[in-house]
N, C-alpha and C. Protein backbone atom coordinates (compact mmCIF):
# COMPACT_ATOMS: atom_id res chain seq x y z
N MET A 1 -27.40 -14.55 -27.19
CA MET A 1 -26.95 -14.60 -26.13
C MET A 1 -26.57 -13.25 -25.13
N ALA A 2 -27.12 -13.38 -23.67
CA ALA A 2 -26.87 -11.91 -23.28
C ALA A 2 -25.46 -12.09 -22.59
N ARG A 3 -25.03 -10.92 -22.61
CA ARG A 3 -23.59 -10.93 -21.89
C ARG A 3 -23.51 -10.92 -20.49
N GLN A 4 -22.89 -11.47 -19.93
CA GLN A 4 -22.76 -11.90 -18.50
C GLN A 4 -21.83 -10.57 -17.85
N ARG A 5 -22.32 -10.02 -16.76
CA ARG A 5 -21.58 -9.14 -15.87
C ARG A 5 -20.21 -9.68 -15.25
N PRO A 6 -19.17 -9.24 -15.19
CA PRO A 6 -17.78 -9.67 -14.57
C PRO A 6 -18.03 -9.76 -13.09
N LYS A 7 -17.79 -11.17 -12.78
CA LYS A 7 -17.83 -11.63 -11.32
C LYS A 7 -16.86 -10.39 -10.32
N ALA A 8 -17.61 -10.07 -9.55
CA ALA A 8 -16.59 -9.50 -8.23
C ALA A 8 -15.66 -10.43 -7.83
N PRO A 9 -14.49 -9.92 -7.22
CA PRO A 9 -13.41 -10.63 -7.04
C PRO A 9 -13.78 -11.47 -5.82
N GLY A 10 -13.47 -12.79 -5.79
CA GLY A 10 -13.65 -13.47 -4.66
C GLY A 10 -12.92 -13.36 -3.53
N GLN A 11 -13.08 -14.07 -2.35
CA GLN A 11 -12.47 -13.78 -1.20
C GLN A 11 -11.03 -14.30 -1.30
N ARG A 12 -10.74 -15.16 -2.18
CA ARG A 12 -9.10 -15.91 -2.07
C ARG A 12 -8.58 -14.49 -3.29
N GLN A 13 -9.15 -14.12 -4.08
CA GLN A 13 -8.52 -12.84 -4.47
C GLN A 13 -8.06 -12.02 -3.76
N LEU A 14 -9.08 -11.32 -3.10
CA LEU A 14 -8.99 -10.27 -2.44
C LEU A 14 -7.56 -10.44 -1.33
N ARG A 15 -7.66 -11.75 -0.54
CA ARG A 15 -6.45 -12.16 0.43
C ARG A 15 -5.20 -12.34 -0.27
N ILE A 16 -5.19 -12.53 -1.34
CA ILE A 16 -4.05 -12.79 -2.14
C ILE A 16 -3.54 -11.43 -2.41
N GLY A 17 -4.30 -10.65 -3.54
CA GLY A 17 -3.90 -9.26 -3.38
C GLY A 17 -3.48 -8.48 -2.30
N GLU A 18 -4.09 -8.61 -1.09
CA GLU A 18 -3.76 -7.83 -0.12
C GLU A 18 -2.29 -8.30 0.44
N GLU A 19 -2.07 -9.67 0.45
CA GLU A 19 -0.96 -10.30 0.58
C GLU A 19 0.46 -9.51 -0.34
N ILE A 20 0.22 -9.72 -1.75
CA ILE A 20 1.12 -9.37 -2.44
C ILE A 20 1.36 -7.79 -2.29
N ARG A 21 0.15 -6.99 -1.84
CA ARG A 21 0.40 -5.38 -1.72
C ARG A 21 1.63 -5.25 -0.55
N HIS A 22 1.05 -6.26 0.88
CA HIS A 22 1.83 -5.92 1.64
C HIS A 22 3.45 -6.22 1.62
N VAL A 23 3.55 -7.37 0.59
CA VAL A 23 5.07 -7.69 0.62
C VAL A 23 5.77 -6.77 -0.62
N LEU A 24 5.03 -6.23 -1.46
CA LEU A 24 5.66 -5.34 -2.46
C LEU A 24 5.90 -3.91 -1.87
N ALA A 25 4.79 -3.45 -0.88
CA ALA A 25 5.28 -2.57 -0.27
C ALA A 25 6.34 -2.47 0.83
N PHE A 26 6.77 -3.80 1.35
CA PHE A 26 7.80 -3.87 2.44
C PHE A 26 9.09 -3.61 1.53
N ILE A 27 8.93 -4.58 0.36
CA ILE A 27 10.18 -4.62 -0.68
C ILE A 27 10.55 -3.21 -1.10
N LEU A 28 9.71 -2.54 -1.59
CA LEU A 28 9.76 -1.22 -2.15
C LEU A 28 10.10 -0.02 -1.18
N GLU A 29 9.98 -0.34 0.01
CA GLU A 29 10.39 0.51 1.16
C GLU A 29 11.83 0.12 1.65
N ARG A 30 12.01 -0.97 1.70
CA ARG A 30 13.42 -1.30 2.13
C ARG A 30 14.49 -1.61 1.28
N GLU A 31 14.36 -2.09 -0.21
CA GLU A 31 15.51 -2.25 -0.86
C GLU A 31 15.71 -0.68 -1.53
N THR A 32 16.94 -1.16 -2.18
CA THR A 32 17.56 0.08 -2.69
C THR A 32 18.17 -0.47 -4.17
N PHE A 33 17.29 0.25 -5.20
CA PHE A 33 17.57 -0.23 -6.52
C PHE A 33 18.56 0.61 -7.37
N ARG A 34 19.32 -0.06 -7.99
CA ARG A 34 20.10 0.31 -8.99
C ARG A 34 19.65 1.00 -10.21
N ASP A 35 18.19 0.85 -10.56
CA ASP A 35 17.68 1.57 -11.45
C ASP A 35 17.41 3.25 -11.17
N PRO A 36 18.02 3.90 -12.00
CA PRO A 36 18.05 5.61 -11.95
C PRO A 36 16.49 5.89 -11.80
N ALA A 37 15.45 5.20 -12.37
CA ALA A 37 14.36 5.80 -12.17
C ALA A 37 13.64 5.50 -10.55
N LEU A 38 14.22 4.37 -9.80
CA LEU A 38 13.80 4.10 -8.91
C LEU A 38 14.73 4.58 -7.75
N ALA A 39 15.59 5.16 -7.93
CA ALA A 39 16.56 5.76 -6.84
C ALA A 39 16.02 6.94 -6.16
N ASN A 40 16.12 6.70 -4.94
CA ASN A 40 15.56 7.90 -3.92
C ASN A 40 13.85 8.33 -4.22
N VAL A 41 13.20 7.28 -4.69
CA VAL A 41 11.90 7.21 -5.22
C VAL A 41 11.26 6.56 -4.01
N ARG A 42 10.26 7.28 -3.48
CA ARG A 42 9.23 6.50 -2.62
C ARG A 42 7.93 6.40 -3.46
N VAL A 43 7.37 5.01 -2.97
CA VAL A 43 6.28 4.55 -3.96
C VAL A 43 5.08 4.19 -2.94
N THR A 44 3.86 4.41 -3.10
CA THR A 44 2.52 3.82 -2.48
C THR A 44 1.90 2.87 -3.31
N VAL A 45 1.91 1.49 -2.76
CA VAL A 45 1.12 0.44 -3.85
C VAL A 45 -0.33 0.72 -2.81
N THR A 46 -1.15 1.12 -3.67
CA THR A 46 -2.50 1.45 -3.42
C THR A 46 -3.22 0.06 -3.28
N GLU A 47 -3.20 -0.59 -4.54
CA GLU A 47 -4.00 -2.00 -4.73
C GLU A 47 -3.43 -2.84 -5.42
N VAL A 48 -3.53 -3.89 -5.30
CA VAL A 48 -3.18 -5.24 -6.05
C VAL A 48 -4.36 -6.05 -6.62
N ARG A 49 -4.54 -6.18 -7.88
CA ARG A 49 -6.05 -6.66 -8.46
C ARG A 49 -5.28 -8.18 -9.08
N PRO A 50 -5.37 -9.45 -8.49
CA PRO A 50 -4.97 -10.56 -8.96
C PRO A 50 -6.20 -10.88 -10.20
N SER A 51 -5.74 -11.57 -10.92
CA SER A 51 -6.67 -12.21 -12.07
C SER A 51 -7.41 -13.43 -11.37
N PRO A 52 -8.81 -13.83 -11.76
CA PRO A 52 -9.18 -14.84 -11.39
C PRO A 52 -8.68 -16.33 -11.29
N ASP A 53 -7.70 -16.41 -12.02
CA ASP A 53 -6.60 -17.54 -12.01
C ASP A 53 -5.38 -17.26 -11.36
N LEU A 54 -5.19 -16.16 -10.60
CA LEU A 54 -4.09 -15.59 -9.98
C LEU A 54 -2.81 -15.77 -10.73
N ARG A 55 -2.76 -15.49 -12.05
CA ARG A 55 -1.54 -15.95 -12.89
C ARG A 55 -1.16 -14.60 -13.12
N HIS A 56 -1.78 -13.38 -13.12
CA HIS A 56 -1.30 -12.16 -13.15
C HIS A 56 -1.98 -11.19 -12.12
N ALA A 57 -1.55 -10.11 -11.84
CA ALA A 57 -1.94 -9.20 -11.03
C ALA A 57 -1.33 -7.58 -11.32
N ARG A 58 -2.52 -7.02 -11.14
CA ARG A 58 -2.24 -5.49 -11.89
C ARG A 58 -1.98 -4.67 -10.52
N VAL A 59 -0.73 -3.85 -10.25
CA VAL A 59 -0.32 -3.33 -9.33
C VAL A 59 -0.48 -1.88 -9.47
N TYR A 60 -1.27 -1.32 -8.63
CA TYR A 60 -1.43 0.20 -8.75
C TYR A 60 -0.47 1.16 -7.83
N ILE A 61 0.28 2.03 -8.41
CA ILE A 61 1.15 2.53 -7.56
C ILE A 61 1.03 4.20 -7.65
N VAL A 62 1.27 4.62 -6.49
CA VAL A 62 1.41 6.46 -6.46
C VAL A 62 2.72 6.94 -6.27
N PRO A 63 3.17 7.81 -6.89
CA PRO A 63 4.61 8.28 -6.30
C PRO A 63 4.22 9.06 -5.04
N LEU A 64 4.97 9.13 -3.81
CA LEU A 64 5.01 10.14 -2.87
C LEU A 64 5.20 11.40 -3.02
N GLY A 65 4.59 12.42 -2.72
CA GLY A 65 4.77 13.45 -3.34
C GLY A 65 4.40 14.09 -4.73
N GLY A 66 3.45 13.29 -5.17
CA GLY A 66 3.19 13.47 -6.59
C GLY A 66 4.40 13.31 -7.51
N GLY A 67 3.97 13.64 -8.85
CA GLY A 67 5.11 13.51 -9.78
C GLY A 67 4.51 13.01 -10.90
N ASP A 68 5.58 12.62 -11.81
CA ASP A 68 5.06 11.91 -13.08
C ASP A 68 5.29 10.41 -12.72
N PRO A 69 4.35 9.38 -12.85
CA PRO A 69 4.44 8.15 -12.51
C PRO A 69 5.44 7.44 -13.61
N LYS A 70 5.22 8.11 -15.13
CA LYS A 70 5.85 7.01 -16.05
C LYS A 70 7.06 6.47 -15.84
N PRO A 71 7.98 7.54 -15.51
CA PRO A 71 9.32 6.93 -15.33
C PRO A 71 9.43 5.78 -14.32
N ILE A 72 8.83 5.85 -13.21
CA ILE A 72 8.73 5.16 -12.15
C ILE A 72 8.11 3.50 -12.61
N LEU A 73 7.09 3.97 -13.40
CA LEU A 73 6.63 2.46 -13.84
C LEU A 73 7.64 1.81 -14.87
N ALA A 74 8.23 2.59 -15.80
CA ALA A 74 9.29 1.97 -16.54
C ALA A 74 10.04 1.37 -15.58
N GLY A 75 10.84 1.96 -14.55
CA GLY A 75 11.75 1.10 -13.93
C GLY A 75 11.10 0.05 -13.12
N LEU A 76 9.99 0.03 -12.68
CA LEU A 76 9.32 -1.12 -11.90
C LEU A 76 9.27 -2.40 -12.88
N LYS A 77 9.09 -1.96 -14.30
CA LYS A 77 9.13 -3.08 -15.30
C LYS A 77 10.66 -3.73 -15.56
N ARG A 78 11.31 -2.73 -15.42
CA ARG A 78 12.67 -3.25 -15.57
C ARG A 78 13.20 -4.25 -14.48
N VAL A 79 12.68 -3.78 -13.18
CA VAL A 79 12.97 -4.94 -11.68
C VAL A 79 12.10 -5.83 -11.66
N LYS A 80 11.16 -6.11 -12.39
CA LYS A 80 9.90 -6.83 -11.99
C LYS A 80 10.47 -8.37 -11.87
N PRO A 81 11.47 -9.04 -12.60
CA PRO A 81 12.00 -10.09 -12.24
C PRO A 81 12.50 -10.10 -10.84
N PHE A 82 13.06 -9.44 -10.33
CA PHE A 82 13.76 -9.17 -9.04
C PHE A 82 12.30 -9.27 -7.88
N LEU A 83 11.50 -8.31 -8.28
CA LEU A 83 10.40 -8.37 -7.63
C LEU A 83 9.66 -9.86 -7.14
N ARG A 84 9.31 -10.33 -8.36
CA ARG A 84 8.99 -11.59 -8.35
C ARG A 84 9.73 -12.72 -7.60
N ARG A 85 10.92 -12.75 -8.03
CA ARG A 85 11.93 -13.58 -6.80
C ARG A 85 11.45 -13.22 -5.41
N GLU A 86 11.60 -12.20 -4.90
CA GLU A 86 11.17 -11.63 -3.81
C GLU A 86 9.96 -12.05 -3.24
N LEU A 87 8.91 -12.02 -4.11
CA LEU A 87 7.43 -12.38 -3.68
C LEU A 87 7.63 -13.84 -3.49
N ALA A 88 8.16 -14.52 -4.10
CA ALA A 88 8.19 -16.34 -4.19
C ALA A 88 8.91 -16.59 -3.06
N SER A 89 9.70 -16.09 -2.54
CA SER A 89 10.64 -15.97 -1.36
C SER A 89 9.60 -16.08 -0.08
N ARG A 90 8.52 -14.87 -0.28
CA ARG A 90 7.94 -14.65 1.02
C ARG A 90 6.27 -14.95 0.95
N LEU A 91 6.12 -15.41 -0.38
CA LEU A 91 4.50 -16.00 -0.29
C LEU A 91 4.38 -17.35 -0.44
N THR A 92 3.30 -18.04 -0.03
CA THR A 92 3.17 -19.36 -0.09
C THR A 92 2.07 -19.82 -0.87
N THR A 93 2.24 -19.38 -2.30
CA THR A 93 1.15 -19.56 -3.22
C THR A 93 1.80 -20.47 -4.43
N LYS A 94 0.98 -21.06 -4.86
CA LYS A 94 1.33 -22.28 -6.05
C LYS A 94 2.08 -21.34 -6.94
N PHE A 95 1.44 -20.23 -7.67
CA PHE A 95 1.90 -19.55 -8.61
C PHE A 95 2.36 -18.30 -8.18
N ILE A 96 3.52 -17.55 -8.73
CA ILE A 96 3.84 -16.24 -8.49
C ILE A 96 3.13 -15.25 -9.48
N PRO A 97 2.27 -14.34 -9.62
CA PRO A 97 1.72 -13.88 -10.69
C PRO A 97 2.89 -13.06 -11.32
N ASP A 98 2.07 -12.77 -12.67
CA ASP A 98 3.10 -11.76 -13.35
C ASP A 98 2.48 -10.63 -13.30
N LEU A 99 3.49 -9.49 -12.67
CA LEU A 99 3.10 -8.24 -12.33
C LEU A 99 2.95 -7.16 -13.53
N ILE A 100 1.81 -6.50 -13.63
CA ILE A 100 1.38 -5.30 -14.54
C ILE A 100 1.63 -4.29 -13.59
N PHE A 101 2.37 -3.13 -13.71
CA PHE A 101 2.28 -2.08 -13.09
C PHE A 101 1.57 -0.82 -13.60
N SER A 102 0.72 -0.21 -12.86
CA SER A 102 -0.23 0.76 -13.57
C SER A 102 -0.03 2.15 -12.57
N ALA A 103 -0.43 3.31 -12.99
CA ALA A 103 -0.67 4.39 -12.35
C ALA A 103 -2.12 4.44 -11.72
N ASP A 104 -2.00 4.66 -10.14
CA ASP A 104 -3.59 4.79 -9.65
C ASP A 104 -3.88 6.25 -10.06
N THR A 105 -5.03 6.25 -10.42
CA THR A 105 -5.36 7.77 -10.93
C THR A 105 -6.55 8.15 -9.99
N THR A 106 -7.24 7.09 -8.83
CA THR A 106 -8.34 7.44 -8.14
C THR A 106 -7.93 8.87 -7.49
N PHE A 107 -6.97 9.06 -6.96
CA PHE A 107 -6.73 10.23 -6.00
C PHE A 107 -6.98 11.68 -7.11
N ASP A 108 -6.32 11.34 -8.25
CA ASP A 108 -6.61 12.36 -9.20
C ASP A 108 -8.06 12.62 -9.46
N GLU A 109 -8.90 11.57 -9.54
CA GLU A 109 -10.32 11.65 -9.76
C GLU A 109 -11.10 12.28 -8.83
N ALA A 110 -10.65 11.87 -7.60
CA ALA A 110 -11.39 12.55 -6.38
C ALA A 110 -10.97 13.76 -6.45
N GLU A 111 -9.76 14.22 -6.71
CA GLU A 111 -9.57 15.75 -6.51
C GLU A 111 -10.40 16.70 -7.80
N ARG A 112 -10.77 15.98 -8.75
CA ARG A 112 -11.31 16.65 -10.10
C ARG A 112 -12.92 16.75 -9.64
N ILE A 113 -13.37 15.62 -9.07
CA ILE A 113 -14.57 15.63 -8.33
C ILE A 113 -15.10 16.67 -7.29
N SER A 114 -13.78 17.07 -6.44
CA SER A 114 -14.02 17.90 -5.39
C SER A 114 -13.85 19.22 -5.94
N ARG A 115 -13.02 19.51 -7.07
CA ARG A 115 -13.16 20.88 -7.83
C ARG A 115 -14.36 21.25 -8.30
N LEU A 116 -14.80 20.21 -9.05
CA LEU A 116 -16.10 20.48 -9.66
C LEU A 116 -17.27 20.68 -8.39
N LEU A 117 -17.13 20.03 -7.29
CA LEU A 117 -18.48 20.52 -6.55
C LEU A 117 -17.96 21.88 -5.69
N HIS A 118 -17.00 22.12 -5.86
CA HIS A 118 -16.72 23.64 -5.23
C HIS A 118 -16.75 24.97 -6.30
N LYS A 119 -17.33 24.27 -7.16
CA LYS A 119 -17.33 25.45 -8.61
C LYS A 119 -18.60 26.24 -8.06
N PRO A 120 -18.44 27.61 -8.51
CA PRO A 120 -19.68 28.58 -8.13
C PRO A 120 -21.11 28.13 -8.36
N GLU A 121 -21.12 27.67 -9.61
CA GLU A 121 -22.57 27.28 -10.30
C GLU A 121 -22.88 25.93 -9.55
N VAL A 122 -22.14 25.07 -9.20
CA VAL A 122 -22.71 23.92 -8.45
C VAL A 122 -22.78 24.03 -7.03
N ALA A 123 -21.92 25.00 -6.52
CA ALA A 123 -22.04 25.41 -4.92
C ALA A 123 -23.49 26.17 -4.84
N ARG A 124 -23.86 27.02 -5.72
CA ARG A 124 -25.28 27.94 -5.65
C ARG A 124 -26.53 26.84 -5.75
N ASP A 125 -26.29 25.70 -6.57
CA ASP A 125 -27.36 24.60 -6.55
C ASP A 125 -27.26 23.68 -5.42
N LEU A 126 -26.30 23.81 -4.71
CA LEU A 126 -26.36 22.74 -3.63
C LEU A 126 -26.47 23.86 -1.94
N SER A 127 -26.69 25.16 -2.47
CA SER A 127 -26.58 26.01 -1.55
C SER A 127 -27.76 25.88 -0.62
N ASP A 128 -27.53 26.29 0.73
CA ASP A 128 -28.41 26.52 1.93
C ASP A 128 -30.08 26.90 1.54
N ASP A 129 -29.99 27.60 0.33
CA ASP A 129 -31.61 28.26 -0.17
C ASP A 129 -32.00 27.09 -0.42
N TYR A 130 -31.54 26.04 -1.15
CA TYR A 130 -32.31 25.03 -1.53
C TYR A 130 -32.60 23.82 -0.60
N GLY A 131 -31.96 24.26 0.78
CA GLY A 131 -32.32 23.60 2.00
C GLY A 131 -31.30 21.95 1.76
N VAL A 132 -30.23 22.02 1.16
CA VAL A 132 -29.51 20.70 1.02
C VAL A 132 -28.40 20.78 1.97
N LEU A 133 -27.44 21.83 1.74
CA LEU A 133 -26.21 22.03 2.60
C LEU A 133 -26.19 23.23 3.79
N GLY A 134 -25.74 22.65 4.88
CA GLY A 134 -25.48 23.73 6.02
C GLY A 134 -24.54 24.60 5.71
N GLU A 135 -24.15 25.49 6.77
CA GLU A 135 -22.94 26.04 6.83
C GLU A 135 -21.66 25.17 6.74
N ASP A 136 -21.62 24.17 7.34
CA ASP A 136 -20.18 23.31 7.33
C ASP A 136 -20.23 22.29 6.30
N GLY A 137 -21.18 22.61 5.25
CA GLY A 137 -21.26 21.66 4.04
C GLY A 137 -21.76 20.34 4.21
N LEU A 138 -22.70 20.17 5.44
CA LEU A 138 -23.16 18.88 5.62
C LEU A 138 -24.43 18.89 5.02
N ALA A 139 -24.99 17.72 4.66
CA ALA A 139 -26.55 17.38 4.29
C ALA A 139 -27.64 17.99 5.49
N ARG A 140 -28.51 18.65 4.99
CA ARG A 140 -29.41 18.87 6.45
C ARG A 140 -30.91 18.65 6.07
N LEU A 141 -31.34 17.85 5.01
CA LEU A 141 -32.47 17.55 4.35
C LEU A 141 -33.55 17.04 5.54
N GLY A 142 -34.58 17.82 5.64
CA GLY A 142 -35.78 17.72 6.42
C GLY A 142 -35.52 18.23 7.68
N GLU A 143 -34.50 19.07 8.17
CA GLU A 143 -34.04 19.71 9.30
C GLU A 143 -34.95 21.06 9.22
N GLU A 144 -35.38 21.24 10.62
CA GLU A 144 -36.04 22.61 10.43
C GLU A 144 -34.98 23.39 11.72
N GLU A 145 -34.77 24.72 11.16
CA GLU A 145 -34.04 25.45 12.01
C GLU A 145 -34.62 25.82 13.22
């Protein structure tokens, strides 16, 4: 039997994920936590991905100003019951998902790709000699000067 591709998230999943993201961002911005790992720490909630049954939600966070997200993730795990209670009071869903916190690495990955593209050997391959990039770094395929 052939393996099926995972389905793309449905409209409902995306809508619930955005609602949860907005509420969590509001709570994390306004609340003062007693947990030492969360004291005076600003966190950005970049994405929330609910499971298809909406019972679980993976919350991706990035500490503002950079830094190690591990202590923040541990602190968020400790205050998870409080966050779920706050979600329950602000959302009108049948179930409040179990929150799973993860560090968002997309910004690090984008930085890594940017560094790779600016390496001399890659820049040489993308240089104007090959007719690919102009002075401003934008593609100039098929344009005559």
